[in-house]
Structures are given as structure tokens and as C-alpha cells.
């Protein structure tokens, strides 16, 4: 895919282009691995951000114990890339999806999430019919108000049900303190995150007190990696955005570098303080705000339409001309990446590789 661009300078790429700085990516992966090197918690990074098997393999080579994903389609992409230990951090509902899941379990060590006794029965019946023992984890709602059992007794009862079904292998618990990950003030982020983590760990201890082995207690996002990674009783982190980063996460100061950028081109300059680029909301998403201009300095994004970005010059910006290249940091990497087919992977501003975003659009 687009292999003819390998060896080109980044500035010569056709635009818009999703670019990934290989050095920054590798430093981010090494930074996270180094942080966890002396911690009890291990890393099972989330695929939903980068959606690229080549990056997943880099994370595994750096010490990750497996990969987390959001959807069954993503898990199938990972399996096709030879990755075996996969946590699907979501409930897979319905005959079609459960059939795909138990077939996937024949040749991977996939783990699936549940929150409901009726769902557990469906999983067990399908696993038994297929002749597999399906690894299962309970999602606990620790404050997101999304999916999951209530902490405590409700989770205990569901775990007891799972343990009575030979076709299921109970692995543990997962929760997500996602309501804390973007809190700018570190002390407040820590307070909110630890309140959630306490519910998850206390529930794991309750299960263990009733004789149920809890191998996995999984949590964590990029914004709380330093908190969750040190919290007693947490065994795995699911951080995803740290590898590529984006402007929103960079704004709370986590120590990772922006590796992901969008390269655009100026297509119109009607005034010295105004420029139009060939990248809009079909190239970069805006639910976390407008993208930041990385270069040239002295310009900001004023607004985006479908295929156009309107730039506004600040005090020290030099005028732009048609054909000039503009590099932007997306505000939200996860949803921006999902708009593109491939990364233009660069090192020292030269294209070194083209990596397909194989998990793009895998929403089923």
C-alpha cells in the first residue's frame, strides 16, 4: 500500500497524510515499559487507538503481556497478525458475535467481558458446543456509568455463576476509571482515580475471600497510568493513547511525545493573516477540540469544515503561500486514526515504512 513513497521526504508527501514519527513512537513505548519495569502491574495496551498490528508487535516486544481491544473485529485483526493473547474489553452480544468469539477461541487465548448472568449462560452454551473453554472476565462499573456490574456482592454472585460452568474459565475483573483520565489537576485526577480503583480491588478481595481465584484485575488509561500502575492489587493496565499521543492528552502533561501528526497543504491565501488547508473534519476529528498547528509556528486552527481547515495567523507567524506544508497534532488520536487507511512512518522526516491501519472500521 503506497510503498512507492518509501524514501521520500515527508514534505513531499501528497496531502493530507497521517504521519507517525518512528523515533517518538519508540520512545513512548520504551517510556511506558520503563515505568512498569519495577511495578507489579503489567501492560496489556489498547489496540483501539492505533489499530495497527505493527505497533502492537512493537509493544509486545517491549514487554507487553498481550493486547486489549474494544471490538471483536479488532480481535480478529490481531489474530490474523499472529497475536494470541487478546482481551476484548467489551460485551459481545448475540448469536452471530458469540459464534465468532468461540471460533476465535479455538486458535487464540482470547478473553471476553461479561456483566450479566443470562449472557454468561449464552457464552457457556456456545463454548461447550464448540469444544472450547472460554476465558471470561467481569466488567465492574467503577464510576463510568457505562457497562459493568455493581462493585461488591453483585459481582461476587456473577463470579460464582461463572465458576459453576465448566465451559468458562473465570479470569478476573476489569474496570475503567475513564472519568478521571482527562482531569487536568493531578491531585484531583489521583483522588477520583483511586476512589474507583479501590472499588475494583475491594471487589477482587471479596471474591478471593470466598475462595474464587482472581488472576486479572485490569484497569487504567493513559491519563492515569502513573496512578493505576502503582495501585496495589491492579495487575494489568489497558493504556492505549500513550504510544501515538494527541493534543488533548499532551495538555495534561504525561511525559509522552506527540508521535502522530497530519500533514496538510495550503490551498488558498486570501489575506496575510488567513490560510486554508486541504484537511478538515474528514481528516481530523474535533470532539476534543481543534487540532494544534505544530509547524509552522505562529498559526492556529480557527475552524474546520468537511474538507477545509481555516488557519489564523498569530502575532509572530510568517505569511503562508499556496503549496506550503502545515503539520498538525490531532486533538483526539483514536478517532482521527480511524479515518485513515495507513500511517506514513517517518524517521528524520524521511518515509521509512507504510503501515496499514488494519483495525480501521472494525466496529462489529
Protein backbone atom coordinates (compact mmCIF):
# COMPACT_ATOMS: atom_id res chain seq x y z
CA UNK A 1 0.00 0.00 0.00
CA UNK A 2 1.60 3.26 -1.19
CA UNK A 3 5.05 1.66 -1.00
CA UNK A 4 6.25 3.99 -3.74
CA UNK A 5 6.51 6.79 -1.14
CA UNK A 6 9.15 4.99 0.92
CA UNK A 7 12.34 7.02 0.81
CA UNK A 8 10.52 10.29 0.08
CA UNK A 9 10.90 13.27 2.35
CA UNK A 10 7.84 13.92 4.45
CA UNK A 11 7.44 17.39 2.96
CA UNK A 12 6.99 15.80 -0.49
CA UNK A 13 4.08 13.55 0.51
CA UNK A 14 0.71 14.05 -1.11
CA UNK A 15 -1.71 15.59 1.34
CA UNK A 16 -3.48 15.17 3.62
CA UNK A 17 -1.32 12.41 5.12
CA UNK A 18 -1.39 10.75 8.51
CA UNK A 19 2.21 10.67 9.69
CA UNK A 20 3.85 8.77 12.52
CA UNK A 21 7.29 9.68 13.82
CA UNK A 22 9.05 6.35 14.40
CA UNK A 23 11.54 7.73 16.91
CA UNK A 24 8.84 9.38 19.04
CA UNK A 25 6.69 6.23 18.88
CA UNK A 26 9.59 4.06 20.03
CA UNK A 27 10.45 6.46 22.85
CA UNK A 28 6.84 6.48 24.06
CA UNK A 29 6.69 2.68 24.06
CA UNK A 30 10.03 2.50 25.89
CA UNK A 31 8.93 5.14 28.42
CA UNK A 32 5.84 3.14 29.40
CA UNK A 33 7.81 -0.12 29.52
CA UNK A 34 10.44 1.52 31.71
CA UNK A 35 7.84 2.93 34.08
CA UNK A 36 6.31 -0.51 34.64
CA UNK A 37 9.61 -2.40 34.78
CA UNK A 38 9.69 -2.40 38.59
CA UNK A 39 5.92 -2.44 39.19
CA UNK A 40 3.63 -5.36 39.97
CA UNK A 41 1.23 -4.34 37.19
CA UNK A 42 1.91 -5.44 33.63
CA UNK A 43 0.87 -3.75 30.38
CA UNK A 44 -1.82 -5.02 28.03
CA UNK A 45 -2.08 -1.93 25.78
CA UNK A 46 -5.27 -0.97 23.98
CA UNK A 47 -5.46 -1.52 20.22
CA UNK A 48 -8.43 0.83 19.78
CA UNK A 49 -6.14 3.87 19.49
CA UNK A 50 -3.54 2.93 16.90
CA UNK A 51 -5.40 -0.03 15.29
CA UNK A 52 -2.14 -1.20 13.74
CA UNK A 53 -0.63 -4.69 14.21
CA UNK A 54 2.88 -3.39 13.52
CA UNK A 55 2.61 -1.10 16.56
CA UNK A 56 1.05 -3.87 18.66
CA UNK A 57 4.03 -6.07 17.90
CA UNK A 58 6.40 -3.27 18.96
CA UNK A 59 4.54 -3.06 22.27
CA UNK A 60 4.75 -6.82 22.76
CA UNK A 61 8.47 -6.85 22.00
CA UNK A 62 8.87 -4.12 24.65
CA UNK A 63 7.31 -6.37 27.29
CA UNK A 64 3.53 -6.11 26.96
CA UNK A 65 1.83 -9.36 28.05
CA UNK A 66 -0.94 -9.16 25.45
CA UNK A 67 -3.20 -6.70 23.69
CA UNK A 68 -6.55 -5.17 24.68
CA UNK A 69 -9.13 -4.25 22.06
CA UNK A 70 -12.65 -2.83 22.01
CA UNK A 71 -14.37 -4.92 19.36
CA UNK A 72 -14.42 -8.49 18.10
CA UNK A 73 -13.40 -7.29 14.63
CA UNK A 74 -10.25 -5.79 16.13
CA UNK A 75 -9.50 -9.07 17.91
CA UNK A 76 -9.80 -10.91 14.60
CA UNK A 77 -7.34 -8.46 13.01
CA UNK A 78 -4.90 -9.10 15.86
CA UNK A 79 -5.28 -12.87 15.48
CA UNK A 80 -4.63 -12.62 11.75
CA UNK A 81 -1.40 -10.78 12.63
CA UNK A 82 -0.31 -13.71 14.82
CA UNK A 83 -1.11 -12.12 18.19
CA UNK A 84 -2.50 -14.70 20.58
CA UNK A 85 -3.28 -13.17 23.99
CA UNK A 86 -6.18 -10.75 23.46
CA UNK A 87 -8.61 -9.13 25.89
CA UNK A 88 -11.84 -7.83 24.34
CA UNK A 89 -12.83 -5.19 26.87
CA UNK A 90 -16.47 -5.22 25.87
CA UNK A 91 -19.58 -7.36 25.98
CA UNK A 92 -20.20 -9.40 22.83
CA UNK A 93 -23.94 -9.89 22.49
CA UNK A 94 -25.99 -12.00 20.08
CA UNK A 95 -25.69 -15.34 18.31
CA UNK A 96 -23.52 -14.09 15.44
CA UNK A 97 -20.89 -12.41 17.58
CA UNK A 98 -20.74 -15.21 20.13
CA UNK A 99 -20.24 -17.72 17.32
CA UNK A 100 -17.32 -15.68 16.00
CA UNK A 101 -15.94 -15.39 19.52
CA UNK A 102 -15.87 -19.12 20.29
CA UNK A 103 -14.34 -19.83 16.88
CA UNK A 104 -11.63 -17.26 17.65
CA UNK A 105 -11.08 -19.01 20.97
CA UNK A 106 -10.08 -22.19 19.12
CA UNK A 107 -6.81 -20.62 17.98
CA UNK A 108 -6.13 -17.71 20.38
CA UNK A 109 -6.14 -17.09 24.12
CA UNK A 110 -8.96 -14.57 23.87
CA UNK A 111 -10.67 -13.17 26.97
CA UNK A 112 -14.19 -11.74 26.77
CA UNK A 113 -16.06 -9.47 29.18
CA UNK A 114 -19.45 -10.02 30.73
CA UNK A 115 -21.76 -8.32 33.23
CA UNK A 116 -24.92 -10.45 33.22
CA UNK A 117 -25.92 -14.00 34.21
CA UNK A 118 -28.04 -14.57 31.09
CA UNK A 119 -25.10 -13.51 28.92
CA UNK A 120 -22.85 -15.89 30.85
CA UNK A 121 -25.21 -18.75 30.05
CA UNK A 122 -25.15 -17.90 26.34
CA UNK A 123 -21.35 -17.80 26.35
CA UNK A 124 -21.12 -21.13 28.15
CA UNK A 125 -23.54 -22.89 25.81
CA UNK A 126 -21.69 -21.66 22.72
CA UNK A 127 -18.28 -22.53 24.17
CA UNK A 128 -19.43 -26.03 25.12
CA UNK A 129 -20.87 -26.60 21.65
CA UNK A 130 -17.59 -25.52 20.09
CA UNK A 131 -15.49 -27.56 22.48
CA UNK A 132 -13.54 -24.67 23.95
CA UNK A 133 -13.09 -23.30 27.45
CA UNK A 134 -13.72 -19.60 27.10
CA UNK A 135 -11.68 -17.20 29.21
CA UNK A 136 -14.07 -14.73 30.84
CA UNK A 137 -13.67 -11.52 32.82
CA UNK A 138 -16.31 -9.49 34.65
CA UNK A 139 -16.53 -5.79 33.91
CA UNK A 140 -17.22 -3.77 37.06
CA UNK A 141 -18.67 -0.27 36.87
CA UNK A 142 -16.33 1.84 39.00
CA UNK A 143 -17.77 5.21 38.07
CA UNK A 144 -18.10 5.48 34.29
CA UNK A 145 -21.83 4.76 34.36
CA UNK A 146 -21.46 2.68 31.22
CA UNK A 147 -21.27 -1.12 31.35
CA UNK A 148 -20.46 -3.37 34.27
CA UNK A 149 -21.76 -4.96 37.42
CA UNK A 150 -22.03 -3.04 40.66
CA UNK A 151 -18.94 -3.49 42.84
CA UNK A 152 -19.21 -5.96 45.69
CA UNK A 153 -21.91 -8.57 46.13
CA UNK A 154 -23.39 -8.33 42.62
CA UNK A 155 -20.00 -9.09 41.11
CA UNK A 156 -19.43 -11.92 43.57
CA UNK A 157 -22.71 -13.59 42.59
CA UNK A 158 -21.85 -13.39 38.89
CA UNK A 159 -18.36 -14.79 39.50
CA UNK A 160 -19.86 -17.70 41.40
CA UNK A 161 -22.15 -18.41 38.46
CA UNK A 162 -19.22 -18.40 36.02
CA UNK A 163 -17.20 -20.73 38.22
CA UNK A 164 -20.00 -23.29 38.13
CA UNK A 165 -19.85 -23.56 34.32
CA UNK A 166 -17.11 -25.90 33.01
CA UNK A 167 -17.09 -24.28 29.58
CA UNK A 168 -15.99 -20.94 31.08
CA UNK A 169 -12.70 -20.08 32.74
CA UNK A 170 -13.04 -17.18 35.16
CA UNK A 171 -10.00 -14.90 34.86
CA UNK A 172 -10.83 -11.87 36.99
CA UNK A 173 -12.15 -8.35 36.87
CA UNK A 174 -11.76 -5.22 34.80
CA UNK A 175 -12.83 -1.63 35.39
CA UNK A 176 -12.08 1.70 33.79
CA UNK A 177 -11.59 4.97 35.62
CA UNK A 178 -12.13 6.83 32.35
CA UNK A 179 -13.96 9.68 34.06
CA UNK A 180 -10.63 10.58 35.71
CA UNK A 181 -8.15 10.32 32.83
CA UNK A 182 -8.55 13.87 31.48
CA UNK A 183 -8.70 15.77 34.78
CA UNK A 184 -6.02 18.43 34.43
CA UNK A 185 -5.15 18.77 38.12
CA UNK A 186 -3.03 15.78 39.10
CA UNK A 187 -4.15 15.72 42.73
CA UNK A 188 -7.82 15.68 41.73
CA UNK A 189 -7.14 13.10 39.00
CA UNK A 190 -5.49 10.91 41.61
CA UNK A 191 -8.35 11.33 44.07
CA UNK A 192 -11.02 10.38 41.53
CA UNK A 193 -8.99 7.52 40.06
CA UNK A 194 -8.07 5.98 43.39
CA UNK A 195 -11.69 6.08 44.57
CA UNK A 196 -12.60 3.99 41.52
CA UNK A 197 -9.64 1.64 41.83
CA UNK A 198 -10.49 0.99 45.47
CA UNK A 199 -13.91 -0.31 44.43
CA UNK A 200 -12.32 -2.65 41.88
CA UNK A 201 -9.63 -4.01 44.19
CA UNK A 202 -12.02 -4.35 47.13
CA UNK A 203 -14.31 -6.42 44.90
CA UNK A 204 -11.41 -8.64 43.86
CA UNK A 205 -10.56 -9.17 47.54
CA UNK A 206 -14.19 -10.06 48.26
CA UNK A 207 -14.10 -12.76 45.59
CA UNK A 208 -10.82 -14.13 46.92
CA UNK A 209 -12.27 -14.23 50.44
CA UNK A 210 -15.00 -16.50 49.04
CA UNK A 211 -12.45 -18.87 47.51
CA UNK A 212 -12.53 -17.50 43.94
CA UNK A 213 -9.14 -17.02 42.34
CA UNK A 214 -8.77 -13.62 40.66
CA UNK A 215 -5.84 -13.73 38.25
CA UNK A 216 -6.52 -10.44 36.49
CA UNK A 217 -7.51 -7.05 37.88
CA UNK A 218 -7.35 -4.80 34.83
CA UNK A 219 -7.82 -1.03 34.63
CA UNK A 220 -6.07 2.12 33.51
CA UNK A 221 -5.97 4.68 30.76
CA UNK A 222 -3.10 6.80 29.51
CA UNK A 223 -4.13 9.72 31.71
CA UNK A 224 -3.94 7.64 34.89
CA UNK A 225 -1.06 5.29 34.08
CA UNK A 226 1.15 6.63 36.88
CA UNK A 227 -1.68 6.26 39.39
CA UNK A 228 -3.17 2.94 38.32
CA UNK A 229 0.21 1.39 37.59
CA UNK A 230 1.23 1.86 41.23
CA UNK A 231 -2.09 1.00 42.86
CA UNK A 232 -1.87 -2.18 44.99
CA UNK A 233 -3.94 -5.02 43.60
CA UNK A 234 -4.02 -3.87 39.96
CA UNK A 235 -2.39 -6.48 37.74
CA UNK A 236 -2.79 -5.03 34.23
CA UNK A 237 -3.03 -1.64 32.51
CA UNK A 238 -5.05 -1.06 29.32
CA UNK A 239 -3.45 2.26 28.27
CA UNK A 240 -3.70 2.99 24.55
CA UNK A 241 -3.10 6.61 23.53
CA UNK A 242 0.37 6.83 25.10
CA UNK A 243 2.04 5.29 22.04
CA UNK A 244 0.93 7.90 19.50
CA UNK A 245 -0.39 10.65 21.81
CA UNK A 246 -2.59 13.59 20.82
CA UNK A 247 -3.11 17.22 21.76
CA UNK A 248 -5.72 16.55 24.44
CA UNK A 249 -3.59 14.11 26.39
CA UNK A 250 -0.49 16.26 25.86
CA UNK A 251 -2.30 19.14 27.57
CA UNK A 252 -2.26 17.37 30.95
CA UNK A 253 1.49 16.72 30.94
CA UNK A 254 2.14 12.97 30.99
CA UNK A 255 5.70 12.77 29.66
CA UNK A 256 4.89 11.18 26.29
CA UNK A 257 5.66 12.84 22.95
CA UNK A 258 3.27 13.61 20.10
CA UNK A 259 4.25 10.97 17.52
CA UNK A 260 1.09 11.40 15.42
CA UNK A 261 0.58 14.32 13.05
CA UNK A 262 -1.45 15.21 10.00
CA UNK A 263 0.42 16.79 7.10
CA UNK A 264 -1.70 19.23 5.10
CA UNK A 265 -1.11 21.73 2.33
CA UNK A 266 -2.10 25.37 1.96
CA UNK A 267 -4.54 25.69 -0.94
CA UNK A 268 -5.66 29.31 -0.55
CA UNK A 269 -4.35 32.55 0.97
CA UNK A 270 -6.76 35.46 0.54
CA UNK A 271 -5.08 37.60 3.20
CA UNK A 272 -1.78 37.67 5.10
CA UNK A 273 -3.43 36.53 8.32
CA UNK A 274 -5.62 33.82 6.77
CA UNK A 275 -4.86 30.49 5.09
CA UNK A 276 -6.89 27.47 4.01
CA UNK A 277 -5.52 23.91 4.12
CA UNK A 278 -6.76 20.73 2.45
CA UNK A 279 -7.65 18.92 5.70
CA UNK A 280 -10.96 19.20 7.52
CA UNK A 281 -13.14 17.08 9.76
CA UNK A 282 -12.99 14.16 7.31
CA UNK A 283 -9.26 14.08 8.09
CA UNK A 284 -9.13 15.16 11.78
CA UNK A 285 -11.84 14.85 14.41
CA UNK A 286 -12.88 17.68 16.72
CA UNK A 287 -14.80 16.18 19.67
CA UNK A 288 -11.82 17.02 21.92
CA UNK A 289 -11.29 20.41 20.31
CA UNK A 290 -9.45 21.73 17.28
CA UNK A 291 -6.07 20.30 16.25
CA UNK A 292 -2.91 22.20 17.10
CA UNK A 293 -0.53 23.57 14.47
CA UNK A 294 2.88 22.00 15.10
CA UNK A 295 4.56 23.82 12.21
CA UNK A 296 4.96 26.47 11.06
CA UNK A 297 4.80 28.34 14.33
CA UNK A 298 2.65 31.40 14.70
CA UNK A 299 -0.54 29.90 13.24
CA UNK A 300 -3.62 28.31 14.80
CA UNK A 301 -6.65 26.44 13.53
CA UNK A 302 -9.68 28.75 13.60
CA UNK A 303 -12.24 26.23 12.36
CA UNK A 304 -12.69 23.11 10.25
CA UNK A 305 -15.28 22.25 7.63
CA UNK A 306 -15.55 18.88 5.85
CA UNK A 307 -12.52 19.22 3.56
CA UNK A 308 -11.01 22.56 4.59
CA UNK A 309 -9.14 23.89 7.58
CA UNK A 310 -9.11 27.63 8.21
CA UNK A 311 -5.90 28.90 9.78
CA UNK A 312 -5.45 32.23 11.54
CA UNK A 313 -2.09 33.95 11.88
CA UNK A 314 -0.92 34.95 15.33
CA UNK A 315 1.44 37.79 16.20
CA UNK A 316 4.73 36.19 15.15
CA UNK A 317 3.59 33.98 12.31
CA UNK A 318 5.09 34.43 8.86
CA UNK A 319 2.71 34.63 5.89
CA UNK A 320 1.88 31.35 4.17
CA UNK A 321 1.70 30.70 0.44
CA UNK A 322 -0.18 28.18 -1.63
CA UNK A 323 1.68 24.88 -1.58
CA UNK A 324 3.24 25.40 1.86
CA UNK A 325 3.02 22.39 4.14
CA UNK A 326 1.37 22.58 7.56
CA UNK A 327 1.77 19.88 10.20
CA UNK A 328 -0.95 19.46 12.81
CA UNK A 329 -1.35 17.47 16.03
CA UNK A 330 -4.85 15.94 16.20
CA UNK A 331 -6.82 16.71 19.35
CA UNK A 332 -8.02 13.09 19.58
CA UNK A 333 -5.83 10.39 18.12
CA UNK A 334 -8.23 7.44 18.44
CA UNK A 335 -10.97 8.84 16.23
CA UNK A 336 -8.62 10.65 13.82
CA UNK A 337 -6.64 7.46 13.14
CA UNK A 338 -9.87 5.63 12.33
CA UNK A 339 -10.38 7.99 9.35
CA UNK A 340 -7.20 6.83 7.59
CA UNK A 341 -6.01 3.72 5.77
CA UNK A 342 -2.32 3.86 6.67
CA UNK A 343 0.44 5.65 8.56
CA UNK A 344 3.30 7.29 6.71
CA UNK A 345 6.01 6.22 9.14
CA UNK A 346 8.91 8.67 9.13
CA UNK A 347 12.34 8.87 10.70
CA UNK A 348 14.31 12.10 10.42
CA UNK A 349 11.49 13.36 8.16
CA UNK A 350 12.02 10.59 5.59
CA UNK A 351 9.33 7.95 4.98
CA UNK A 352 10.66 4.65 6.30
CA UNK A 353 7.53 2.49 6.04
CA UNK A 354 3.82 2.50 5.31
CA UNK A 355 1.81 0.67 7.96
CA UNK A 356 -1.81 -0.28 7.20
CA UNK A 357 -4.32 0.68 9.86
CA UNK A 358 -5.82 -2.78 9.67
CA UNK A 359 -8.28 -2.22 12.53
CA UNK A 360 -9.87 0.77 10.85
CA UNK A 361 -13.66 0.47 10.76
CA UNK A 362 -13.72 -2.81 12.69
CA UNK A 363 -16.76 -1.83 14.74
CA UNK A 364 -18.57 -5.20 14.71
